[in-house]
Amino acid sequence: MMFEQPRLLQARSDGPKPISRRGFLNAVGATIPAAAGSSSPRAPLPNLIVILADDLGYGDVGVYNPDSKIP
C-alpha cells in the first residue's frame, strides 16, 4: 500500500507558475496608490534676492527709509 507524501514535503518539479492577468492587475492596482501616496510634497524654495552694488555704505540703505514719500 502506497501513501501519498504530505503536500508540504513534495518536491517541486513544475517550476514557477505564470502569474495570471487578474493577479498581475491586482498587484499593480495595490502598488500604484501606495507609491503615489508615499511621496511627500516638496517645501517651496525660498525667494532669494542678490543685490550687487559698488561704493555702497551702511548708511546709504536701510529697512525704514525716512526719506521715502510712500506711506
N, C-alpha and C. Protein backbone atom coordinates (compact mmCIF):
# COMPACT_ATOMS: atom_id res chain seq x y z
N MET A 1 0.83 -1.16 0.00
CA MET A 1 0.00 0.00 0.00
C MET A 1 0.90 1.25 0.00
N MET A 2 0.66 2.15 -0.95
CA MET A 2 1.46 3.37 -1.06
C MET A 2 0.72 4.53 -0.42
N PHE A 3 1.49 5.31 0.29
CA PHE A 3 0.92 6.50 0.91
C PHE A 3 1.41 7.73 0.15
N GLU A 4 0.53 8.69 0.06
CA GLU A 4 0.91 9.95 -0.58
C GLU A 4 1.75 10.78 0.39
N GLN A 5 2.73 11.47 -0.15
CA GLN A 5 3.52 12.37 0.68
C GLN A 5 2.67 13.59 1.03
N PRO A 6 2.89 14.16 2.19
CA PRO A 6 2.17 15.40 2.51
C PRO A 6 2.53 16.48 1.50
N ARG A 7 1.61 17.37 1.26
CA ARG A 7 1.79 18.40 0.25
C ARG A 7 3.00 19.29 0.54
N LEU A 8 3.30 19.53 1.80
CA LEU A 8 4.43 20.40 2.14
C LEU A 8 5.77 19.77 1.82
N LEU A 9 5.83 18.46 1.80
CA LEU A 9 7.10 17.78 1.60
C LEU A 9 7.31 17.31 0.17
N GLN A 10 6.36 17.55 -0.71
CA GLN A 10 6.53 17.12 -2.09
C GLN A 10 7.58 17.98 -2.78
N ALA A 11 8.34 17.34 -3.64
CA ALA A 11 9.35 18.07 -4.40
C ALA A 11 8.67 18.90 -5.48
N ARG A 12 9.19 20.06 -5.71
CA ARG A 12 8.64 20.91 -6.76
C ARG A 12 9.35 20.60 -8.07
N SER A 13 8.61 20.10 -9.00
CA SER A 13 9.20 19.80 -10.30
C SER A 13 8.54 20.59 -11.41
N ASP A 14 7.49 21.32 -11.07
CA ASP A 14 6.76 22.05 -12.10
C ASP A 14 7.43 23.38 -12.46
N GLY A 15 8.21 23.92 -11.57
CA GLY A 15 8.81 25.23 -11.81
C GLY A 15 7.86 26.32 -11.39
N PRO A 16 8.24 27.55 -11.60
CA PRO A 16 7.36 28.66 -11.18
C PRO A 16 6.11 28.73 -12.05
N LYS A 17 5.01 29.06 -11.41
CA LYS A 17 3.75 29.18 -12.14
C LYS A 17 3.67 30.58 -12.74
N PRO A 18 3.17 30.69 -13.95
CA PRO A 18 2.99 32.03 -14.51
C PRO A 18 1.89 32.78 -13.77
N ILE A 19 2.06 34.07 -13.64
CA ILE A 19 1.07 34.88 -12.93
C ILE A 19 -0.13 35.12 -13.85
N SER A 20 -1.29 35.09 -13.27
CA SER A 20 -2.50 35.32 -14.07
C SER A 20 -2.67 36.82 -14.32
N ARG A 21 -3.48 37.14 -15.30
CA ARG A 21 -3.74 38.54 -15.60
C ARG A 21 -4.42 39.23 -14.43
N ARG A 22 -5.35 38.53 -13.79
CA ARG A 22 -6.05 39.10 -12.65
C ARG A 22 -5.08 39.34 -11.49
N GLY A 23 -4.18 38.39 -11.25
CA GLY A 23 -3.19 38.56 -10.18
C GLY A 23 -2.26 39.73 -10.46
N PHE A 24 -1.86 39.87 -11.73
CA PHE A 24 -0.98 40.98 -12.11
C PHE A 24 -1.69 42.32 -11.91
N LEU A 25 -2.94 42.41 -12.37
CA LEU A 25 -3.68 43.67 -12.22
C LEU A 25 -3.95 43.99 -10.75
N ASN A 26 -4.18 42.97 -9.93
CA ASN A 26 -4.36 43.21 -8.50
C ASN A 26 -3.08 43.75 -7.87
N ALA A 27 -1.94 43.18 -8.26
CA ALA A 27 -0.66 43.63 -7.71
C ALA A 27 -0.36 45.07 -8.13
N VAL A 28 -0.60 45.38 -9.40
CA VAL A 28 -0.36 46.74 -9.90
C VAL A 28 -1.34 47.71 -9.25
N GLY A 29 -2.60 47.30 -9.13
CA GLY A 29 -3.61 48.17 -8.53
C GLY A 29 -3.33 48.47 -7.07
N ALA A 30 -2.68 47.55 -6.37
CA ALA A 30 -2.34 47.79 -4.97
C ALA A 30 -1.05 48.59 -4.83
N THR A 31 -0.18 48.51 -5.82
CA THR A 31 1.12 49.17 -5.73
C THR A 31 1.05 50.65 -6.12
N ILE A 32 0.30 50.98 -7.14
CA ILE A 32 0.27 52.36 -7.64
C ILE A 32 -0.24 53.35 -6.59
N PRO A 33 -1.36 53.11 -5.92
CA PRO A 33 -1.78 54.09 -4.90
C PRO A 33 -0.79 54.20 -3.74
N ALA A 34 -0.15 53.10 -3.40
CA ALA A 34 0.83 53.16 -2.31
C ALA A 34 2.04 54.00 -2.72
N ALA A 35 2.46 53.86 -3.97
CA ALA A 35 3.61 54.63 -4.44
C ALA A 35 3.23 56.10 -4.62
N ALA A 36 2.02 56.36 -5.06
CA ALA A 36 1.61 57.75 -5.28
C ALA A 36 1.41 58.48 -3.96
N GLY A 37 0.95 57.80 -2.93
CA GLY A 37 0.69 58.45 -1.66
C GLY A 37 1.92 58.59 -0.78
N SER A 38 3.00 57.91 -1.13
CA SER A 38 4.17 57.93 -0.26
C SER A 38 5.08 59.13 -0.50
N SER A 39 4.92 59.80 -1.62
CA SER A 39 5.80 60.93 -1.88
C SER A 39 5.35 62.14 -1.07
N SER A 40 6.27 62.73 -0.36
CA SER A 40 5.93 63.90 0.45
C SER A 40 6.07 65.15 -0.42
N PRO A 41 5.21 66.13 -0.21
CA PRO A 41 5.30 67.35 -1.02
C PRO A 41 6.58 68.11 -0.69
N ARG A 42 7.19 68.63 -1.72
CA ARG A 42 8.43 69.39 -1.52
C ARG A 42 8.10 70.75 -0.94
N ALA A 43 8.96 71.19 -0.07
CA ALA A 43 8.81 72.53 0.50
C ALA A 43 9.11 73.55 -0.59
N PRO A 44 8.39 74.65 -0.62
CA PRO A 44 8.67 75.65 -1.65
C PRO A 44 10.07 76.24 -1.45
N LEU A 45 10.70 76.54 -2.55
CA LEU A 45 12.05 77.12 -2.49
C LEU A 45 11.96 78.55 -1.97
N PRO A 46 12.94 78.98 -1.20
CA PRO A 46 12.89 80.34 -0.66
C PRO A 46 13.17 81.37 -1.76
N ASN A 47 12.59 82.54 -1.59
CA ASN A 47 12.88 83.65 -2.51
C ASN A 47 14.25 84.19 -2.14
N LEU A 48 15.08 84.37 -3.12
CA LEU A 48 16.44 84.82 -2.88
C LEU A 48 16.71 86.02 -3.78
N ILE A 49 17.14 87.11 -3.19
CA ILE A 49 17.47 88.32 -3.94
C ILE A 49 18.94 88.63 -3.69
N VAL A 50 19.67 88.80 -4.77
CA VAL A 50 21.08 89.15 -4.67
C VAL A 50 21.23 90.57 -5.21
N ILE A 51 21.77 91.45 -4.39
CA ILE A 51 22.00 92.84 -4.80
C ILE A 51 23.50 93.06 -4.87
N LEU A 52 23.95 93.45 -6.03
CA LEU A 52 25.37 93.74 -6.23
C LEU A 52 25.50 95.25 -6.43
N ALA A 53 26.18 95.90 -5.52
CA ALA A 53 26.32 97.36 -5.61
C ALA A 53 27.77 97.73 -5.31
N ASP A 54 28.20 98.80 -5.94
CA ASP A 54 29.56 99.28 -5.74
C ASP A 54 29.51 100.62 -5.01
N ASP A 55 30.45 100.83 -4.10
CA ASP A 55 30.56 102.08 -3.34
C ASP A 55 29.28 102.37 -2.56
N LEU A 56 28.83 101.37 -1.83
CA LEU A 56 27.62 101.49 -1.04
C LEU A 56 28.00 101.33 0.42
N GLY A 57 27.65 102.30 1.22
CA GLY A 57 27.97 102.25 2.64
C GLY A 57 26.78 101.82 3.47
N TYR A 58 27.03 101.58 4.75
CA TYR A 58 25.96 101.10 5.63
C TYR A 58 24.90 102.16 5.86
N GLY A 59 25.22 103.41 5.69
CA GLY A 59 24.25 104.48 5.88
C GLY A 59 23.43 104.80 4.64
N ASP A 60 23.78 104.20 3.49
CA ASP A 60 23.09 104.50 2.24
C ASP A 60 21.76 103.76 2.09
N VAL A 61 21.61 102.65 2.75
CA VAL A 61 20.36 101.88 2.65
C VAL A 61 19.88 101.57 4.05
N GLY A 62 18.60 101.26 4.17
CA GLY A 62 18.05 100.91 5.47
C GLY A 62 16.70 100.24 5.30
N VAL A 63 16.25 99.61 6.35
CA VAL A 63 14.95 98.96 6.32
C VAL A 63 13.85 100.00 6.31
N TYR A 64 13.96 100.97 7.18
CA TYR A 64 12.95 102.02 7.30
C TYR A 64 13.55 103.31 6.74
N ASN A 65 13.22 103.62 5.50
CA ASN A 65 13.78 104.80 4.84
C ASN A 65 12.96 106.03 5.25
N PRO A 66 13.50 106.92 6.05
CA PRO A 66 12.73 108.10 6.48
C PRO A 66 12.53 109.12 5.36
N ASP A 67 13.32 109.03 4.29
CA ASP A 67 13.20 109.99 3.19
C ASP A 67 12.17 109.57 2.15
N SER A 68 11.57 108.41 2.29
CA SER A 68 10.63 107.89 1.30
C SER A 68 9.29 108.62 1.40
N LYS A 69 8.68 108.93 0.25
CA LYS A 69 7.39 109.60 0.21
C LYS A 69 6.23 108.59 0.24
N ILE A 70 6.53 107.31 0.11
CA ILE A 70 5.50 106.27 0.09
C ILE A 70 5.16 105.90 1.53
N PRO A 71 3.85 105.92 1.90
CA PRO A 71 3.49 105.59 3.29
C PRO A 71 3.72 104.13 3.62
